[in-house]
Amino acid sequence: MALNLYAGMGGDMASPSADGVAITPSDTVDLAVAPRRIWSGSGGNITIVTLAGTTLTYTNVPAGTYLQIRPARIKATGTTATNMVAEL
């Protein structure tokens, strides 16, 4: 494992992520953890459910884009982007 010179210093939401997990969109299953942000590896639409329960669609998200959002869920219906990563 790499030496982490910043261990124990804490981190706010503007800090770099320390981990990530691939996203499998689902209409019924929430993400295990609300991420710091979402990486969209390929372009397309991303439909989310916010932590407050609102459904929103981000349209025409370019490939290689970070969305500075903390969704509870990435829905399969309406999501055409692929290769998404939840950064934790």
N, C-alpha and C. Protein backbone atom coordinates (compact mmCIF):
# COMPACT_ATOMS: atom_id res chain seq x y z
N MET A 1 0.85 -1.17 0.00
CA MET A 1 0.00 0.00 0.00
C MET A 1 0.90 1.24 0.00
N ALA A 2 0.46 2.28 -0.69
CA ALA A 2 1.23 3.51 -0.80
C ALA A 2 1.25 4.26 0.53
N LEU A 3 2.34 4.93 0.79
CA LEU A 3 2.45 5.78 1.97
C LEU A 3 1.52 6.97 1.82
N ASN A 4 0.67 7.21 2.80
CA ASN A 4 -0.27 8.33 2.78
C ASN A 4 0.22 9.40 3.73
N LEU A 5 0.89 10.41 3.19
CA LEU A 5 1.44 11.48 4.01
C LEU A 5 0.36 12.34 4.66
N TYR A 6 -0.87 12.21 4.19
CA TYR A 6 -1.95 13.07 4.68
C TYR A 6 -2.93 12.32 5.58
N ALA A 7 -2.61 11.10 5.96
CA ALA A 7 -3.48 10.32 6.84
C ALA A 7 -3.69 11.07 8.15
N GLY A 8 -4.90 11.06 8.62
CA GLY A 8 -5.20 11.70 9.90
C GLY A 8 -5.43 13.19 9.81
N MET A 9 -5.26 13.78 8.63
CA MET A 9 -5.45 15.22 8.48
C MET A 9 -6.91 15.57 8.20
N GLY A 10 -7.73 14.55 7.99
CA GLY A 10 -9.12 14.82 7.65
C GLY A 10 -9.23 15.32 6.23
N GLY A 11 -10.40 15.63 5.84
CA GLY A 11 -10.61 16.12 4.50
C GLY A 11 -12.02 16.65 4.36
N ASP A 12 -12.13 17.78 3.72
CA ASP A 12 -13.46 18.31 3.47
C ASP A 12 -13.89 17.89 2.07
N MET A 13 -15.05 18.37 1.66
CA MET A 13 -15.59 17.95 0.37
C MET A 13 -14.76 18.43 -0.81
N ALA A 14 -13.89 19.41 -0.62
CA ALA A 14 -13.05 19.89 -1.71
C ALA A 14 -11.76 19.08 -1.83
N SER A 15 -11.49 18.22 -0.86
CA SER A 15 -10.29 17.40 -0.88
C SER A 15 -10.40 16.33 -1.96
N PRO A 16 -9.27 15.85 -2.45
CA PRO A 16 -9.31 14.76 -3.43
C PRO A 16 -9.94 13.52 -2.81
N SER A 17 -10.57 12.72 -3.64
CA SER A 17 -11.17 11.49 -3.14
C SER A 17 -10.07 10.49 -2.78
N ALA A 18 -10.38 9.64 -1.83
CA ALA A 18 -9.42 8.63 -1.39
C ALA A 18 -9.77 7.24 -1.90
N ASP A 19 -10.96 7.10 -2.46
CA ASP A 19 -11.41 5.79 -2.93
C ASP A 19 -12.49 6.00 -3.99
N GLY A 20 -12.84 4.96 -4.65
CA GLY A 20 -13.90 5.02 -5.65
C GLY A 20 -14.48 3.66 -5.89
N VAL A 21 -15.65 3.66 -6.49
CA VAL A 21 -16.32 2.40 -6.80
C VAL A 21 -17.08 2.57 -8.11
N ALA A 22 -17.05 1.54 -8.94
CA ALA A 22 -17.80 1.58 -10.19
C ALA A 22 -19.29 1.65 -9.89
N ILE A 23 -20.01 2.39 -10.72
CA ILE A 23 -21.45 2.55 -10.53
C ILE A 23 -22.20 1.64 -11.49
N THR A 24 -23.13 0.89 -10.93
CA THR A 24 -24.08 0.12 -11.72
C THR A 24 -25.43 0.79 -11.54
N PRO A 25 -25.92 1.50 -12.55
CA PRO A 25 -27.21 2.18 -12.41
C PRO A 25 -28.33 1.20 -12.06
N SER A 26 -29.26 1.67 -11.23
CA SER A 26 -30.40 0.86 -10.81
C SER A 26 -31.59 1.76 -10.54
N ASP A 27 -32.75 1.32 -10.91
CA ASP A 27 -33.97 2.07 -10.62
C ASP A 27 -34.46 1.85 -9.20
N THR A 28 -33.92 0.84 -8.51
CA THR A 28 -34.44 0.48 -7.19
C THR A 28 -33.41 0.45 -6.06
N VAL A 29 -32.12 0.38 -6.39
CA VAL A 29 -31.10 0.22 -5.36
C VAL A 29 -30.26 1.50 -5.24
N ASP A 30 -30.19 2.04 -4.02
CA ASP A 30 -29.36 3.21 -3.75
C ASP A 30 -27.88 2.82 -3.78
N LEU A 31 -27.03 3.82 -3.98
CA LEU A 31 -25.59 3.63 -3.83
C LEU A 31 -25.31 3.28 -2.37
N ALA A 32 -24.26 2.52 -2.11
CA ALA A 32 -23.93 2.13 -0.73
C ALA A 32 -23.54 3.34 0.11
N VAL A 33 -22.90 4.32 -0.53
CA VAL A 33 -22.44 5.54 0.14
C VAL A 33 -22.68 6.71 -0.81
N ALA A 34 -23.15 7.82 -0.28
CA ALA A 34 -23.28 9.03 -1.12
C ALA A 34 -21.86 9.52 -1.43
N PRO A 35 -21.49 9.58 -2.71
CA PRO A 35 -20.12 9.93 -3.08
C PRO A 35 -19.83 11.43 -2.98
N ARG A 36 -18.54 11.77 -3.09
CA ARG A 36 -18.12 13.18 -3.17
C ARG A 36 -18.52 13.78 -4.51
N ARG A 37 -18.40 12.96 -5.54
CA ARG A 37 -18.69 13.39 -6.92
C ARG A 37 -18.77 12.15 -7.80
N ILE A 38 -19.23 12.35 -9.03
CA ILE A 38 -19.37 11.26 -10.00
C ILE A 38 -18.48 11.56 -11.20
N TRP A 39 -17.75 10.56 -11.64
CA TRP A 39 -16.95 10.63 -12.87
C TRP A 39 -17.74 9.94 -13.97
N SER A 40 -17.91 10.63 -15.09
CA SER A 40 -18.57 10.04 -16.25
C SER A 40 -17.50 9.70 -17.28
N GLY A 41 -17.23 8.43 -17.43
CA GLY A 41 -16.19 8.00 -18.36
C GLY A 41 -16.58 8.15 -19.82
N SER A 42 -17.86 7.95 -20.11
CA SER A 42 -18.35 8.17 -21.46
C SER A 42 -19.50 9.17 -21.40
N GLY A 43 -19.74 9.83 -22.46
CA GLY A 43 -20.78 10.85 -22.47
C GLY A 43 -22.18 10.28 -22.48
N GLY A 44 -23.13 11.14 -22.20
CA GLY A 44 -24.53 10.75 -22.24
C GLY A 44 -25.33 11.41 -21.15
N ASN A 45 -26.51 10.90 -20.90
CA ASN A 45 -27.38 11.42 -19.85
C ASN A 45 -27.16 10.64 -18.57
N ILE A 46 -27.30 11.32 -17.43
CA ILE A 46 -27.20 10.67 -16.12
C ILE A 46 -28.41 11.10 -15.32
N THR A 47 -29.25 10.13 -14.96
CA THR A 47 -30.44 10.41 -14.16
C THR A 47 -30.16 9.98 -12.73
N ILE A 48 -30.33 10.90 -11.81
CA ILE A 48 -30.02 10.64 -10.41
C ILE A 48 -31.26 10.82 -9.54
N VAL A 49 -31.17 10.26 -8.35
CA VAL A 49 -32.10 10.58 -7.27
C VAL A 49 -31.24 11.26 -6.21
N THR A 50 -31.60 12.49 -5.85
CA THR A 50 -30.82 13.24 -4.88
C THR A 50 -31.01 12.67 -3.47
N LEU A 51 -30.19 13.11 -2.54
CA LEU A 51 -30.34 12.69 -1.15
C LEU A 51 -31.68 13.12 -0.58
N ALA A 52 -32.28 14.17 -1.15
CA ALA A 52 -33.60 14.63 -0.72
C ALA A 52 -34.74 13.90 -1.42
N GLY A 53 -34.41 13.02 -2.39
CA GLY A 53 -35.43 12.24 -3.07
C GLY A 53 -35.92 12.78 -4.39
N THR A 54 -35.31 13.85 -4.87
CA THR A 54 -35.70 14.45 -6.15
C THR A 54 -35.00 13.73 -7.30
N THR A 55 -35.72 13.45 -8.37
CA THR A 55 -35.12 12.85 -9.57
C THR A 55 -34.76 13.95 -10.55
N LEU A 56 -33.50 13.93 -11.00
CA LEU A 56 -32.98 14.92 -11.95
C LEU A 56 -32.23 14.20 -13.06
N THR A 57 -32.26 14.77 -14.27
CA THR A 57 -31.47 14.23 -15.37
C THR A 57 -30.48 15.28 -15.85
N TYR A 58 -29.21 14.92 -15.82
CA TYR A 58 -28.16 15.74 -16.41
C TYR A 58 -28.02 15.27 -17.85
N THR A 59 -28.28 16.15 -18.81
CA THR A 59 -28.28 15.75 -20.22
C THR A 59 -26.98 16.13 -20.90
N ASN A 60 -26.60 15.28 -21.84
CA ASN A 60 -25.42 15.52 -22.69
C ASN A 60 -24.15 15.78 -21.88
N VAL A 61 -23.94 14.99 -20.84
CA VAL A 61 -22.71 15.11 -20.05
C VAL A 61 -21.55 14.63 -20.91
N PRO A 62 -20.53 15.48 -21.13
CA PRO A 62 -19.41 15.06 -21.96
C PRO A 62 -18.59 13.94 -21.30
N ALA A 63 -17.96 13.12 -22.10
CA ALA A 63 -17.06 12.09 -21.59
C ALA A 63 -15.94 12.76 -20.81
N GLY A 64 -15.52 12.12 -19.73
CA GLY A 64 -14.42 12.65 -18.94
C GLY A 64 -14.81 13.82 -18.07
N THR A 65 -16.04 13.83 -17.58
CA THR A 65 -16.55 14.93 -16.78
C THR A 65 -16.79 14.49 -15.34
N TYR A 66 -16.44 15.37 -14.41
CA TYR A 66 -16.84 15.19 -13.01
C TYR A 66 -18.13 15.96 -12.79
N LEU A 67 -19.12 15.30 -12.19
CA LEU A 67 -20.32 15.98 -11.73
C LEU A 67 -20.17 16.16 -10.23
N GLN A 68 -20.20 17.38 -9.78
CA GLN A 68 -20.04 17.69 -8.36
C GLN A 68 -21.38 17.52 -7.65
N ILE A 69 -21.83 16.26 -7.61
CA ILE A 69 -23.12 15.94 -7.02
C ILE A 69 -22.95 14.78 -6.04
N ARG A 70 -23.86 14.68 -5.08
CA ARG A 70 -23.84 13.60 -4.09
C ARG A 70 -25.17 12.85 -4.14
N PRO A 71 -25.39 12.06 -5.17
CA PRO A 71 -26.68 11.39 -5.32
C PRO A 71 -26.83 10.19 -4.39
N ALA A 72 -28.09 9.84 -4.12
CA ALA A 72 -28.40 8.62 -3.40
C ALA A 72 -28.43 7.44 -4.36
N ARG A 73 -28.82 7.72 -5.62
CA ARG A 73 -28.99 6.66 -6.62
C ARG A 73 -28.69 7.20 -8.00
N ILE A 74 -28.14 6.34 -8.85
CA ILE A 74 -28.02 6.60 -10.29
C ILE A 74 -29.02 5.66 -10.94
N LYS A 75 -30.03 6.22 -11.58
CA LYS A 75 -31.09 5.40 -12.16
C LYS A 75 -30.66 4.79 -13.49
N ALA A 76 -31.14 3.57 -13.75
CA ALA A 76 -30.90 2.92 -15.04
C ALA A 76 -31.75 3.57 -16.12
N THR A 77 -33.01 3.86 -15.76
CA THR A 77 -33.91 4.50 -16.71
C THR A 77 -33.48 5.95 -16.91
N GLY A 78 -33.20 6.30 -18.14
CA GLY A 78 -32.79 7.67 -18.46
C GLY A 78 -31.29 7.88 -18.47
N THR A 79 -30.51 6.92 -17.97
CA THR A 79 -29.05 7.05 -17.96
C THR A 79 -28.47 6.34 -19.17
N THR A 80 -27.75 7.11 -20.00
CA THR A 80 -27.09 6.54 -21.16
C THR A 80 -25.58 6.58 -21.04
N ALA A 81 -25.06 7.37 -20.11
CA ALA A 81 -23.62 7.42 -19.87
C ALA A 81 -23.17 6.09 -19.27
N THR A 82 -21.93 5.72 -19.53
CA THR A 82 -21.37 4.49 -18.98
C THR A 82 -20.01 4.79 -18.37
N ASN A 83 -19.40 3.76 -17.80
CA ASN A 83 -18.08 3.89 -17.18
C ASN A 83 -18.06 4.97 -16.12
N MET A 84 -19.09 4.96 -15.26
CA MET A 84 -19.19 5.95 -14.19
C MET A 84 -18.53 5.42 -12.92
N VAL A 85 -17.92 6.33 -12.18
CA VAL A 85 -17.27 6.00 -10.91
C VAL A 85 -17.78 6.94 -9.84
N ALA A 86 -18.15 6.38 -8.69
CA ALA A 86 -18.50 7.18 -7.52
C ALA A 86 -17.21 7.40 -6.73
N GLU A 87 -16.79 8.65 -6.60
CA GLU A 87 -15.57 8.94 -5.86
C GLU A 87 -15.92 9.23 -4.41
N LEU A 88 -15.25 8.52 -3.51
CA LEU A 88 -15.56 8.58 -2.10
C LEU A 88 -14.52 9.36 -1.31
